[in-house]
């Protein structure tokens, strides 16, 4: 009984820890999204400078990442040649900067709830780009699933009360660049055996983002900020906002490292529904029945896609274990035959 009790206690502890990691990630992701909306929206804090906000985040995260990697040795740096950095990390940094810039810009024009609905297109973008770049195999049933997700998002867009074409273009661009970045990570980094966790990602990628973002910032936002003499840097607002953004990266590290990417996908669905509810009840964004019906269709499509991915992963794991099982069975058979031959020799002697 005592032994069984200790096992059940251990399992319960793991379950509670998993739920804790999920709760922390949902809270921080939720906070960063709502905080960014608050800062950028003209009806709230009214600081509509998404490039500047993204650069503040990247500067803060890069500084802390350098401290954690180089000073406190919290995470070991990944050995990487200059050639690999230029050919792999720099393109990923460029895509990441574009994704962050466009996604933050969308908060100026669209509601939080509608942005979450548009983000449901991420699996569609990742799969489509993967097929084009030959990282995914084309399958009719998967493509039909992608079309069902797209249809659901289309219905949600049709029912959007505050539809803004430019905002939708910005968010779709952000989804496309983020999906391309995820596929390029597989092609440029994972294929070379390089794996970056969120801290080392910021350590290597954040400086690239700053360089790429500085060009549009100088051309677009710097002249406006320079001429706005009334502007003063609010250390409390931007400091806490940047700290939340960095904490979110640590939460991703904990969630994926201690559970799985699939758990994060499921948690992401819960977070999206919470954000939609918060956007409707607190921020007072209009959420129509057509919105919810369309997102419901997209949600079912995304859930089925995640389920298919899980089944494929299980099948791969089974295939890996089967040859090992066959080898072990073969070795056992050889051992038994050897023991039998040894006994026969003993009997004959």
C-alpha atoms as a PDB file:
ATOM      1  CA  UNK A   1       0.000   0.000   0.000  1.00  0.00           C
ATOM      2  CA  UNK A   2       2.806   2.401   0.968  1.00  0.00           C
ATOM      3  CA  UNK A   3       4.628   1.673  -2.265  1.00  0.00           C
ATOM      4  CA  UNK A   4       1.495   2.125  -4.344  1.00  0.00           C
ATOM      5  CA  UNK A   5       0.699   5.324  -2.474  1.00  0.00           C
ATOM      6  CA  UNK A   6       4.147   6.782  -3.241  1.00  0.00           C
ATOM      7  CA  UNK A   7       3.714   6.008  -6.959  1.00  0.00           C
ATOM      8  CA  UNK A   8       0.306   7.689  -7.056  1.00  0.00           C
ATOM      9  CA  UNK A   9       1.730  10.670  -5.134  1.00  0.00           C
ATOM     10  CA  UNK A  10       4.525  10.960  -7.705  1.00  0.00           C
ATOM     11  CA  UNK A  11       2.075  10.840 -10.608  1.00  0.00           C
ATOM     12  CA  UNK A  12      -0.158  13.399  -8.900  1.00  0.00           C
ATOM     13  CA  UNK A  13       2.822  15.691  -8.377  1.00  0.00           C
ATOM     14  CA  UNK A  14       3.723  15.506 -12.082  1.00  0.00           C
ATOM     15  CA  UNK A  15       0.130  16.259 -13.083  1.00  0.00           C
ATOM     16  CA  UNK A  16      -0.023  19.257 -10.735  1.00  0.00           C
ATOM     17  CA  UNK A  17       3.321  20.557 -12.038  1.00  0.00           C
ATOM     18  CA  UNK A  18       2.124  20.192 -15.644  1.00  0.00           C
ATOM     19  CA  UNK A  19      -1.050  22.144 -14.857  1.00  0.00           C
ATOM     20  CA  UNK A  20       1.081  24.778 -13.095  1.00  0.00           C
ATOM     21  CA  UNK A  21       3.316  25.221 -16.165  1.00  0.00           C
ATOM     22  CA  UNK A  22       0.220  25.467 -18.389  1.00  0.00           C
ATOM     23  CA  UNK A  23      -1.399  28.038 -16.075  1.00  0.00           C
ATOM     24  CA  UNK A  24       1.777  30.161 -15.932  1.00  0.00           C
ATOM     25  CA  UNK A  25       2.126  30.118 -19.739  1.00  0.00           C
ATOM     26  CA  UNK A  26      -1.546  30.971 -20.325  1.00  0.00           C
ATOM     27  CA  UNK A  27      -1.370  33.822 -17.788  1.00  0.00           C
ATOM     28  CA  UNK A  28       1.816  35.339 -19.265  1.00  0.00           C
ATOM     29  CA  UNK A  29       0.738  34.922 -22.891  1.00  0.00           C
ATOM     30  CA  UNK A  30      -2.641  36.429 -22.021  1.00  0.00           C
ATOM     31  CA  UNK A  31      -0.934  39.317 -20.186  1.00  0.00           C
ATOM     32  CA  UNK A  32       1.517  40.141 -23.003  1.00  0.00           C
ATOM     33  CA  UNK A  33      -1.242  40.193 -25.649  1.00  0.00           C
ATOM     34  CA  UNK A  34      -3.586  42.396 -23.594  1.00  0.00           C
ATOM     35  CA  UNK A  35      -0.687  44.637 -22.460  1.00  0.00           C
ATOM     36  CA  UNK A  36       0.498  45.176 -26.051  1.00  0.00           C
ATOM     37  CA  UNK A  37      -3.067  45.978 -27.090  1.00  0.00           C
ATOM     38  CA  UNK A  38      -3.336  48.484 -24.231  1.00  0.00           C
ATOM     39  CA  UNK A  39      -0.108  50.277 -25.224  1.00  0.00           C
ATOM     40  CA  UNK A  40      -0.726  50.369 -28.986  1.00  0.00           C
ATOM     41  CA  UNK A  41      -4.466  51.055 -29.130  1.00  0.00           C
ATOM     42  CA  UNK A  42      -5.298  54.719 -29.800  1.00  0.00           C
ATOM     43  CA  UNK A  43      -8.303  54.503 -27.452  1.00  0.00           C
ATOM     44  CA  UNK A  44      -6.203  53.270 -24.508  1.00  0.00           C
ATOM     45  CA  UNK A  45      -2.556  54.224 -23.780  1.00  0.00           C
ATOM     46  CA  UNK A  46      -2.321  55.632 -27.313  1.00  0.00           C
ATOM     47  CA  UNK A  47       1.298  54.884 -28.241  1.00  0.00           C
ATOM     48  CA  UNK A  48       0.864  53.509 -31.788  1.00  0.00           C
ATOM     49  CA  UNK A  49       4.512  52.711 -32.514  1.00  0.00           C
ATOM     50  CA  UNK A  50       4.706  48.912 -33.016  1.00  0.00           C
ATOM     51  CA  UNK A  51       8.275  48.898 -34.372  1.00  0.00           C
ATOM     52  CA  UNK A  52       9.522  50.876 -31.360  1.00  0.00           C
ATOM     53  CA  UNK A  53       7.656  48.586 -28.956  1.00  0.00           C
ATOM     54  CA  UNK A  54       9.112  45.487 -30.636  1.00  0.00           C
ATOM     55  CA  UNK A  55      12.626  46.973 -30.463  1.00  0.00           C
ATOM     56  CA  UNK A  56      12.177  47.736 -26.743  1.00  0.00           C
ATOM     57  CA  UNK A  57      11.158  44.094 -26.187  1.00  0.00           C
ATOM     58  CA  UNK A  58      14.121  42.779 -28.204  1.00  0.00           C
ATOM     59  CA  UNK A  59      16.631  45.076 -26.451  1.00  0.00           C
ATOM     60  CA  UNK A  60      15.392  44.032 -23.009  1.00  0.00           C
ATOM     61  CA  UNK A  61      15.251  40.316 -23.879  1.00  0.00           C
ATOM     62  CA  UNK A  62      18.673  40.359 -25.575  1.00  0.00           C
ATOM     63  CA  UNK A  63      20.258  42.032 -22.535  1.00  0.00           C
ATOM     64  CA  UNK A  64      18.768  39.515 -20.092  1.00  0.00           C
ATOM     65  CA  UNK A  65      19.647  36.602 -22.403  1.00  0.00           C
ATOM     66  CA  UNK A  66      23.305  37.723 -22.520  1.00  0.00           C
ATOM     67  CA  UNK A  67      23.357  37.969 -18.713  1.00  0.00           C
ATOM     68  CA  UNK A  68      21.812  34.487 -18.308  1.00  0.00           C
ATOM     69  CA  UNK A  69      24.130  32.871 -20.875  1.00  0.00           C
ATOM     70  CA  UNK A  70      27.431  34.720 -20.395  1.00  0.00           C
ATOM     71  CA  UNK A  71      27.374  36.059 -16.836  1.00  0.00           C
ATOM     72  CA  UNK A  72      25.215  33.733 -14.715  1.00  0.00           C
ATOM     73  CA  UNK A  73      25.839  30.633 -16.919  1.00  0.00           C
ATOM     74  CA  UNK A  74      22.175  29.662 -16.486  1.00  0.00           C
ATOM     75  CA  UNK A  75      22.124  28.228 -20.024  1.00  0.00           C
ATOM     76  CA  UNK A  76      25.060  26.940 -22.063  1.00  0.00           C
ATOM     77  CA  UNK A  77      25.587  28.743 -25.408  1.00  0.00           C
ATOM     78  CA  UNK A  78      25.233  26.615 -28.532  1.00  0.00           C
ATOM     79  CA  UNK A  79      28.459  26.145 -30.475  1.00  0.00           C
ATOM     80  CA  UNK A  80      27.893  27.805 -33.826  1.00  0.00           C
ATOM     81  CA  UNK A  81      30.252  28.917 -36.591  1.00  0.00           C
ATOM     82  CA  UNK A  82      29.996  32.320 -38.238  1.00  0.00           C
ATOM     83  CA  UNK A  83      28.922  30.643 -41.479  1.00  0.00           C
ATOM     84  CA  UNK A  84      26.038  28.839 -39.766  1.00  0.00           C
ATOM     85  CA  UNK A  85      25.048  32.036 -37.951  1.00  0.00           C
ATOM     86  CA  UNK A  86      24.935  34.075 -41.157  1.00  0.00           C
ATOM     87  CA  UNK A  87      23.240  31.395 -43.265  1.00  0.00           C
ATOM     88  CA  UNK A  88      20.759  30.136 -40.648  1.00  0.00           C
ATOM     89  CA  UNK A  89      20.195  32.490 -37.714  1.00  0.00           C
ATOM     90  CA  UNK A  90      20.194  35.756 -39.676  1.00  0.00           C
ATOM     91  CA  UNK A  91      17.353  34.726 -42.073  1.00  0.00           C
ATOM     92  CA  UNK A  92      15.338  33.399 -39.096  1.00  0.00           C
ATOM     93  CA  UNK A  93      15.955  36.691 -37.267  1.00  0.00           C
ATOM     94  CA  UNK A  94      14.702  38.637 -40.301  1.00  0.00           C
ATOM     95  CA  UNK A  95      11.503  36.575 -40.462  1.00  0.00           C
ATOM     96  CA  UNK A  96      10.977  36.889 -36.692  1.00  0.00           C
ATOM     97  CA  UNK A  97      11.355  40.683 -36.792  1.00  0.00           C
ATOM     98  CA  UNK A  98       8.803  40.955 -39.617  1.00  0.00           C
ATOM     99  CA  UNK A  99       6.390  38.640 -37.793  1.00  0.00           C
ATOM    100  CA  UNK A 100       6.598  40.633 -34.541  1.00  0.00           C
ATOM    101  CA  UNK A 101       6.367  43.992 -36.308  1.00  0.00           C
ATOM    102  CA  UNK A 102       3.256  43.072 -38.295  1.00  0.00           C
ATOM    103  CA  UNK A 103       1.500  41.232 -35.438  1.00  0.00           C
ATOM    104  CA  UNK A 104       2.011  44.179 -33.055  1.00  0.00           C
ATOM    105  CA  UNK A 105       0.848  46.589 -35.776  1.00  0.00           C
ATOM    106  CA  UNK A 106      -2.407  44.635 -36.158  1.00  0.00           C
ATOM    107  CA  UNK A 107      -3.410  45.534 -32.556  1.00  0.00           C
ATOM    108  CA  UNK A 108      -3.847  49.145 -33.666  1.00  0.00           C
ATOM    109  CA  UNK A 109      -6.584  48.198 -36.150  1.00  0.00           C
ATOM    110  CA  UNK A 110      -8.205  44.959 -34.938  1.00  0.00           C
ATOM    111  CA  UNK A 111      -9.814  43.670 -31.751  1.00  0.00           C
ATOM    112  CA  UNK A 112      -7.997  41.130 -29.567  1.00  0.00           C
ATOM    113  CA  UNK A 113     -10.732  38.551 -30.187  1.00  0.00           C
ATOM    114  CA  UNK A 114     -10.589  38.830 -33.986  1.00  0.00           C
ATOM    115  CA  UNK A 115      -6.777  38.607 -33.997  1.00  0.00           C
ATOM    116  CA  UNK A 116      -6.985  35.307 -32.085  1.00  0.00           C
ATOM    117  CA  UNK A 117      -9.460  34.025 -34.661  1.00  0.00           C
ATOM    118  CA  UNK A 118      -7.110  34.948 -37.513  1.00  0.00           C
ATOM    119  CA  UNK A 119      -4.230  33.179 -35.726  1.00  0.00           C
ATOM    120  CA  UNK A 120      -6.144  29.910 -36.211  1.00  0.00           C
ATOM    121  CA  UNK A 121      -4.737  30.018 -39.767  1.00  0.00           C
ATOM    122  CA  UNK A 122      -1.236  29.226 -38.457  1.00  0.00           C
ATOM    123  CA  UNK A 123      -1.469  25.422 -39.112  1.00  0.00           C
ATOM    124  CA  UNK A 124      -2.714  26.204 -42.642  1.00  0.00           C
ATOM    125  CA  UNK A 125       0.269  28.475 -43.309  1.00  0.00           C
ATOM    126  CA  UNK A 126       2.815  26.074 -41.748  1.00  0.00           C
ATOM    127  CA  UNK A 127       1.481  23.075 -43.706  1.00  0.00           C
ATOM    128  CA  UNK A 128       1.231  24.977 -47.015  1.00  0.00           C
ATOM    129  CA  UNK A 129       4.750  26.400 -46.746  1.00  0.00           C
ATOM    130  CA  UNK A 130       6.039  22.988 -45.629  1.00  0.00           C
ATOM    131  CA  UNK A 131       4.538  21.381 -48.753  1.00  0.00           C
ATOM    132  CA  UNK A 132       6.046  24.076 -51.023  1.00  0.00           C
ATOM    133  CA  UNK A 133       9.491  23.658 -49.422  1.00  0.00           C
ATOM    134  CA  UNK A 134       9.109  19.853 -49.408  1.00  0.00           C
ATOM    135  CA  UNK A 135       9.189  19.486 -45.618  1.00  0.00           C
ATOM    136  CA  UNK A 136       5.622  18.106 -45.573  1.00  0.00           C
ATOM    137  CA  UNK A 137       4.010  15.465 -47.784  1.00  0.00           C
ATOM    138  CA  UNK A 138       0.894  16.588 -49.630  1.00  0.00           C
ATOM    139  CA  UNK A 139      -2.197  14.645 -48.549  1.00  0.00           C
ATOM    140  CA  UNK A 140      -5.725  15.231 -49.779  1.00  0.00           C
ATOM    141  CA  UNK A 141      -7.325  14.707 -46.352  1.00  0.00           C
ATOM    142  CA  UNK A 142      -4.883  17.142 -44.687  1.00  0.00           C
ATOM    143  CA  UNK A 143      -5.516  19.746 -47.377  1.00  0.00           C
ATOM    144  CA  UNK A 144      -9.273  19.293 -46.890  1.00  0.00           C
ATOM    145  CA  UNK A 145      -8.687  19.888 -43.162  1.00  0.00           C
ATOM    146  CA  UNK A 146      -6.748  23.077 -43.993  1.00  0.00           C
ATOM    147  CA  UNK A 147      -9.616  24.265 -46.203  1.00  0.00           C
ATOM    148  CA  UNK A 148     -12.097  23.679 -43.366  1.00  0.00           C
ATOM    149  CA  UNK A 149      -9.966  25.813 -41.019  1.00  0.00           C
ATOM    150  CA  UNK A 150      -9.733  28.535 -43.676  1.00  0.00           C
ATOM    151  CA  UNK A 151     -13.500  28.398 -44.202  1.00  0.00           C
ATOM    152  CA  UNK A 152     -14.102  28.809 -40.462  1.00  0.00           C
ATOM    153  CA  UNK A 153     -11.776  31.837 -40.284  1.00  0.00           C
ATOM    154  CA  UNK A 154     -13.472  33.262 -43.380  1.00  0.00           C
ATOM    155  CA  UNK A 155     -16.887  32.982 -41.716  1.00  0.00           C
ATOM    156  CA  UNK A 156     -15.488  34.625 -38.561  1.00  0.00           C
ATOM    157  CA  UNK A 157     -14.089  37.473 -40.682  1.00  0.00           C
ATOM    158  CA  UNK A 158     -17.454  37.870 -42.433  1.00  0.00           C
ATOM    159  CA  UNK A 159     -19.143  38.306 -39.054  1.00  0.00           C
ATOM    160  CA  UNK A 160     -16.536  40.738 -37.677  1.00  0.00           C
ATOM    161  CA  UNK A 161     -18.192  44.002 -36.589  1.00  0.00           C
ATOM    162  CA  UNK A 162     -14.955  46.045 -36.704  1.00  0.00           C
ATOM    163  CA  UNK A 163     -13.443  44.591 -39.858  1.00  0.00           C
ATOM    164  CA  UNK A 164     -10.418  46.555 -41.062  1.00  0.00           C
ATOM    165  CA  UNK A 165      -8.799  45.457 -44.319  1.00  0.00           C
ATOM    166  CA  UNK A 166      -5.361  46.872 -43.506  1.00  0.00           C
ATOM    167  CA  UNK A 167      -5.401  45.251 -40.065  1.00  0.00           C
ATOM    168  CA  UNK A 168      -6.307  41.867 -41.598  1.00  0.00           C
ATOM    169  CA  UNK A 169      -3.494  42.228 -44.162  1.00  0.00           C
ATOM    170  CA  UNK A 170      -1.015  42.965 -41.353  1.00  0.00           C
ATOM    171  CA  UNK A 171      -2.132  39.970 -39.252  1.00  0.00           C
ATOM    172  CA  UNK A 172      -2.141  37.575 -42.226  1.00  0.00           C
ATOM    173  CA  UNK A 173       1.346  38.813 -43.108  1.00  0.00           C
ATOM    174  CA  UNK A 174       2.449  38.149 -39.522  1.00  0.00           C
ATOM    175  CA  UNK A 175       1.033  34.599 -39.718  1.00  0.00           C
ATOM    176  CA  UNK A 176       2.796  33.980 -43.051  1.00  0.00           C
ATOM    177  CA  UNK A 177       6.187  35.211 -41.794  1.00  0.00           C
ATOM    178  CA  UNK A 178       5.870  33.289 -38.508  1.00  0.00           C
ATOM    179  CA  UNK A 179       4.926  30.089 -40.346  1.00  0.00           C
ATOM    180  CA  UNK A 180       7.887  30.543 -42.704  1.00  0.00           C
ATOM    181  CA  UNK A 181      10.161  31.071 -39.693  1.00  0.00           C
ATOM    182  CA  UNK A 182       8.968  27.827 -38.064  1.00  0.00           C
ATOM    183  CA  UNK A 183       9.575  25.858 -41.273  1.00  0.00           C
ATOM    184  CA  UNK A 184      12.981  27.510 -41.796  1.00  0.00           C
ATOM    185  CA  UNK A 185      14.002  26.557 -38.249  1.00  0.00           C
ATOM    186  CA  UNK A 186      13.465  22.916 -39.277  1.00  0.00           C
ATOM    187  CA  UNK A 187      15.398  23.375 -42.526  1.00  0.00           C
ATOM    188  CA  UNK A 188      18.241  25.641 -41.386  1.00  0.00           C
ATOM    189  CA  UNK A 189      18.785  24.607 -37.760  1.00  0.00           C
ATOM    190  CA  UNK A 190      17.209  21.274 -36.808  1.00  0.00           C
ATOM    191  CA  UNK A 191      18.542  19.540 -39.937  1.00  0.00           C
ATOM    192  CA  UNK A 192      22.064  20.557 -38.810  1.00  0.00           C
ATOM    193  CA  UNK A 193      21.478  19.207 -35.314  1.00  0.00           C
ATOM    194  CA  UNK A 194      21.233  22.694 -33.763  1.00  0.00           C
ATOM    195  CA  UNK A 195      18.511  23.108 -31.161  1.00  0.00           C
ATOM    196  CA  UNK A 196      17.798  26.485 -29.559  1.00  0.00           C
ATOM    197  CA  UNK A 197      15.687  26.922 -26.433  1.00  0.00           C
ATOM    198  CA  UNK A 198      13.887  30.287 -25.897  1.00  0.00           C
ATOM    199  CA  UNK A 199      16.835  31.823 -23.998  1.00  0.00           C
ATOM    200  CA  UNK A 200      19.519  30.858 -26.520  1.00  0.00           C
ATOM    201  CA  UNK A 201      17.099  31.825 -29.308  1.00  0.00           C
ATOM    202  CA  UNK A 202      16.905  35.335 -27.867  1.00  0.00           C
ATOM    203  CA  UNK A 203      20.669  35.354 -27.320  1.00  0.00           C
ATOM    204  CA  UNK A 204      21.338  34.696 -31.013  1.00  0.00           C
ATOM    205  CA  UNK A 205      18.211  36.038 -32.734  1.00  0.00           C
ATOM    206  CA  UNK A 206      17.328  39.228 -30.797  1.00  0.00           C
ATOM    207  CA  UNK A 207      20.392  41.221 -32.011  1.00  0.00           C
ATOM    208  CA  UNK A 208      19.456  40.289 -35.610  1.00  0.00           C
ATOM    209  CA  UNK A 209      15.902  41.492 -35.002  1.00  0.00           C
ATOM    210  CA  UNK A 210      17.183  44.808 -33.694  1.00  0.00           C
ATOM    211  CA  UNK A 211      19.335  45.345 -36.788  1.00  0.00           C
ATOM    212  CA  UNK A 212      16.515  44.496 -39.203  1.00  0.00           C
ATOM    213  CA  UNK A 213      13.922  46.556 -37.306  1.00  0.00           C
ATOM    214  CA  UNK A 214      16.201  49.587 -37.115  1.00  0.00           C
ATOM    215  CA  UNK A 215      15.812  50.219 -40.879  1.00  0.00           C
ATOM    216  CA  UNK A 216      11.991  50.678 -40.965  1.00  0.00           C
ATOM    217  CA  UNK A 217      12.168  52.358 -37.533  1.00  0.00           C
ATOM    218  CA  UNK A 218      14.529  55.077 -38.828  1.00  0.00           C
ATOM    219  CA  UNK A 219      12.370  55.619 -41.920  1.00  0.00           C
ATOM    220  CA  UNK A 220       8.867  55.350 -40.408  1.00  0.00           C
ATOM    221  CA  UNK A 221       8.701  55.931 -36.650  1.00  0.00           C
ATOM    222  CA  UNK A 222      11.830  57.823 -35.625  1.00  0.00           C
ATOM    223  CA  UNK A 223      10.842  61.074 -37.432  1.00  0.00           C
ATOM    224  CA  UNK A 224       7.419  61.033 -35.710  1.00  0.00           C
ATOM    225  CA  UNK A 225       8.903  60.291 -32.269  1.00  0.00           C
ATOM    226  CA  UNK A 226      11.532  62.991 -32.761  1.00  0.00           C
ATOM    227  CA  UNK A 227       8.892  65.582 -33.599  1.00  0.00           C
ATOM    228  CA  UNK A 228       6.644  64.529 -30.688  1.00  0.00           C
ATOM    229  CA  UNK A 229       8.208  66.739 -28.030  1.00  0.00           C
ATOM    230  CA  UNK A 230       5.592  65.744 -25.442  1.00  0.00           C
ATOM    231  CA  UNK A 231       6.680  62.085 -25.472  1.00  0.00           C
ATOM    232  CA  UNK A 232       8.570  60.745 -22.449  1.00  0.00           C
ATOM    233  CA  UNK A 233       9.728  57.171 -21.916  1.00  0.00           C
ATOM    234  CA  UNK A 234       7.531  55.556 -19.274  1.00  0.00           C
ATOM    235  CA  UNK A 235       9.879  53.124 -17.517  1.00  0.00           C
ATOM    236  CA  UNK A 236       7.086  51.518 -15.487  1.00  0.00           C
ATOM    237  CA  UNK A 237       4.873  50.740 -18.504  1.00  0.00           C
ATOM    238  CA  UNK A 238       7.586  49.661 -20.939  1.00  0.00           C
ATOM    239  CA  UNK A 239       9.734  47.995 -18.268  1.00  0.00           C
ATOM    240  CA  UNK A 240       6.940  45.774 -16.953  1.00  0.00           C
ATOM    241  CA  UNK A 241       5.722  45.092 -20.504  1.00  0.00           C
ATOM    242  CA  UNK A 242       9.207  43.953 -21.571  1.00  0.00           C
ATOM    243  CA  UNK A 243       9.601  41.881 -18.400  1.00  0.00           C
ATOM    244  CA  UNK A 244       6.329  40.097 -19.192  1.00  0.00           C
ATOM    245  CA  UNK A 245       7.565  39.409 -22.735  1.00  0.00           C
ATOM    246  CA  UNK A 246      10.807  37.883 -21.408  1.00  0.00           C
ATOM    247  CA  UNK A 247       8.964  35.886 -18.734  1.00  0.00           C
ATOM    248  CA  UNK A 248       6.748  34.478 -21.491  1.00  0.00           C
ATOM    249  CA  UNK A 249       9.844  33.080 -23.233  1.00  0.00           C
ATOM    250  CA  UNK A 250      10.902  31.399 -19.989  1.00  0.00           C
ATOM    251  CA  UNK A 251       7.381  30.001 -19.596  1.00  0.00           C
ATOM    252  CA  UNK A 252       7.585  28.507 -23.103  1.00  0.00           C
ATOM    253  CA  UNK A 253      10.913  26.921 -22.103  1.00  0.00           C
ATOM    254  CA  UNK A 254       9.311  25.390 -19.006  1.00  0.00           C
ATOM    255  CA  UNK A 255       6.096  24.276 -20.707  1.00  0.00           C
ATOM    256  CA  UNK A 256       7.682  22.587 -23.738  1.00  0.00           C
ATOM    257  CA  UNK A 257      10.668  21.272 -21.769  1.00  0.00           C
ATOM    258  CA  UNK A 258       8.620  19.765 -18.938  1.00  0.00           C
ATOM    259  CA  UNK A 259       5.549  18.661 -20.918  1.00  0.00           C
ATOM    260  CA  UNK A 260       5.366  18.728 -24.729  1.00  0.00           C
ATOM    261  CA  UNK A 261       4.681  20.943 -27.762  1.00  0.00           C
ATOM    262  CA  UNK A 262       1.267  19.272 -28.054  1.00  0.00           C
ATOM    263  CA  UNK A 263       0.393  20.400 -24.509  1.00  0.00           C
ATOM    264  CA  UNK A 264       1.311  23.933 -25.549  1.00  0.00           C
ATOM    265  CA  UNK A 265      -0.979  23.704 -28.599  1.00  0.00           C
ATOM    266  CA  UNK A 266      -3.904  22.551 -26.431  1.00  0.00           C
ATOM    267  CA  UNK A 267      -3.146  25.275 -23.871  1.00  0.00           C
ATOM    268  CA  UNK A 268      -3.076  27.775 -26.730  1.00  0.00           C
ATOM    269  CA  UNK A 269      -6.667  26.896 -27.638  1.00  0.00           C
ATOM    270  CA  UNK A 270      -7.758  27.490 -24.018  1.00  0.00           C
ATOM    271  CA  UNK A 271      -5.886  30.817 -24.012  1.00  0.00           C
ATOM    272  CA  UNK A 272      -7.594  31.913 -27.262  1.00  0.00           C
ATOM    273  CA  UNK A 273     -11.075  31.242 -25.848  1.00  0.00           C
ATOM    274  CA  UNK A 274     -10.163  33.127 -22.636  1.00  0.00           C
ATOM    275  CA  UNK A 275      -8.903  36.090 -24.675  1.00  0.00           C
ATOM    276  CA  UNK A 276     -12.080  36.140 -26.749  1.00  0.00           C
ATOM    277  CA  UNK A 277     -14.178  36.101 -23.554  1.00  0.00           C
ATOM    278  CA  UNK A 278     -12.007  38.839 -21.980  1.00  0.00           C
ATOM    279  CA  UNK A 279     -12.112  40.954 -25.138  1.00  0.00           C
ATOM    280  CA  UNK A 280     -15.913  40.754 -25.176  1.00  0.00           C
ATOM    281  CA  UNK A 281     -16.608  41.212 -21.445  1.00  0.00           C
ATOM    282  CA  UNK A 282     -13.864  43.609 -20.265  1.00  0.00           C
ATOM    283  CA  UNK A 283     -12.520  45.511 -23.299  1.00  0.00           C
ATOM    284  CA  UNK A 284     -16.086  45.567 -24.679  1.00  0.00           C
ATOM    285  CA  UNK A 285     -15.111  44.414 -28.179  1.00  0.00           C
ATOM    286  CA  UNK A 286     -18.074  43.276 -30.227  1.00  0.00           C
ATOM    287  CA  UNK A 287     -18.148  39.487 -30.699  1.00  0.00           C
ATOM    288  CA  UNK A 288     -20.984  38.381 -32.974  1.00  0.00           C
ATOM    289  CA  UNK A 289     -22.632  34.934 -33.169  1.00  0.00           C
ATOM    290  CA  UNK A 290     -21.208  34.583 -36.715  1.00  0.00           C
ATOM    291  CA  UNK A 291     -17.742  35.294 -35.251  1.00  0.00           C
ATOM    292  CA  UNK A 292     -18.129  32.485 -32.741  1.00  0.00           C
ATOM    293  CA  UNK A 293     -19.647  30.064 -35.264  1.00  0.00           C
ATOM    294  CA  UNK A 294     -16.794  30.646 -37.722  1.00  0.00           C
ATOM    295  CA  UNK A 295     -14.126  30.331 -35.054  1.00  0.00           C
ATOM    296  CA  UNK A 296     -15.872  27.185 -33.788  1.00  0.00           C
ATOM    297  CA  UNK A 297     -15.457  25.625 -37.249  1.00  0.00           C
ATOM    298  CA  UNK A 298     -11.808  26.674 -37.367  1.00  0.00           C
ATOM    299  CA  UNK A 299     -11.282  25.377 -33.817  1.00  0.00           C
ATOM    300  CA  UNK A 300     -12.626  21.931 -34.776  1.00  0.00           C
ATOM    301  CA  UNK A 301     -10.288  21.868 -37.774  1.00  0.00           C
ATOM    302  CA  UNK A 302      -7.268  22.828 -35.648  1.00  0.00           C
ATOM    303  CA  UNK A 303      -8.220  20.222 -33.008  1.00  0.00           C
ATOM    304  CA  UNK A 304      -8.436  17.513 -35.679  1.00  0.00           C
ATOM    305  CA  UNK A 305      -5.069  18.621 -37.124  1.00  0.00           C
ATOM    306  CA  UNK A 306      -3.416  18.400 -33.684  1.00  0.00           C
ATOM    307  CA  UNK A 307      -5.013  14.973 -33.152  1.00  0.00           C
ATOM    308  CA  UNK A 308      -3.641  13.766 -36.524  1.00  0.00           C
ATOM    309  CA  UNK A 309      -0.180  15.053 -35.627  1.00  0.00           C
ATOM    310  CA  UNK A 310      -0.329  13.217 -32.286  1.00  0.00           C
ATOM    311  CA  UNK A 311      -1.335   9.960 -33.988  1.00  0.00           C
ATOM    312  CA  UNK A 312       1.516  10.351 -36.508  1.00  0.00           C
ATOM    313  CA  UNK A 313       4.012  10.901 -33.678  1.00  0.00           C
ATOM    314  CA  UNK A 314       2.729   7.817 -31.847  1.00  0.00           C
ATOM    315  CA  UNK A 315       3.054   5.760 -35.047  1.00  0.00           C
ATOM    316  CA  UNK A 316       6.663   6.924 -35.474  1.00  0.00           C
ATOM    317  CA  UNK A 317       7.484   6.039 -31.873  1.00  0.00           C
ATOM    318  CA  UNK A 318       5.939   2.588 -32.359  1.00  0.00           C
ATOM    319  CA  UNK A 319       8.025   2.023 -35.509  1.00  0.00           C
ATOM    320  CA  UNK A 320      11.171   3.013 -33.629  1.00  0.00           C
ATOM    321  CA  UNK A 321      10.397   0.642 -30.761  1.00  0.00           C
ATOM    322  CA  UNK A 322       9.474  -2.324 -33.007  1.00  0.00           C
ATOM    323  CA  UNK A 323      12.964  -2.882 -34.522  1.00  0.00           C
ATOM    324  CA  UNK A 324      14.472  -2.569 -31.035  1.00  0.00           C
ATOM    325  CA  UNK A 325      11.992  -5.182 -29.782  1.00  0.00           C
ATOM    326  CA  UNK A 326      12.862  -7.489 -32.687  1.00  0.00           C
ATOM    327  CA  UNK A 327      16.585  -7.130 -31.941  1.00  0.00           C
ATOM    328  CA  UNK A 328      16.054  -7.904 -28.247  1.00  0.00           C
ATOM    329  CA  UNK A 329      13.885 -10.929 -29.119  1.00  0.00           C
ATOM    330  CA  UNK A 330      16.577 -12.131 -31.527  1.00  0.00           C
ATOM    331  CA  UNK A 331      19.257 -11.800 -28.880  1.00  0.00           C
ATOM    332  CA  UNK A 332      17.104 -13.689 -26.341  1.00  0.00           C
ATOM    333  CA  UNK A 333      16.519 -16.452 -28.893  1.00  0.00           C
ATOM    334  CA  UNK A 334      20.257 -16.708 -29.586  1.00  0.00           C
ATOM    335  CA  UNK A 335      20.995 -16.837 -25.858  1.00  0.00           C
ATOM    336  CA  UNK A 336      18.411 -19.594 -25.351  1.00  0.00           C
ATOM    337  CA  UNK A 337      19.779 -21.580 -28.282  1.00  0.00           C
ATOM    338  CA  UNK A 338      23.272 -21.124 -26.907  1.00  0.00           C
ATOM    339  CA  UNK A 339      22.166 -22.285 -23.469  1.00  0.00           C
ATOM    340  CA  UNK A 340      20.402 -25.311 -25.021  1.00  0.00           C
ATOM    341  CA  UNK A 341      23.489 -26.243 -27.021  1.00  0.00           C
ATOM    342  CA  UNK A 342      25.623 -25.889 -23.890  1.00  0.00           C
ATOM    343  CA  UNK A 343      23.283 -28.212 -21.955  1.00  0.00           C
ATOM    344  CA  UNK A 344      23.360 -30.793 -24.796  1.00  0.00           C
ATOM    345  CA  UNK A 345      27.177 -30.692 -24.798  1.00  0.00           C
ATOM    346  CA  UNK A 346      27.168 -31.184 -21.016  1.00  0.00           C
ATOM    347  CA  UNK A 347      24.792 -34.130 -21.346  1.00  0.00           C
ATOM    348  CA  UNK A 348      26.903 -35.708 -24.141  1.00  0.00           C
ATOM    349  CA  UNK A 349      30.086 -35.367 -22.087  1.00  0.00           C
END
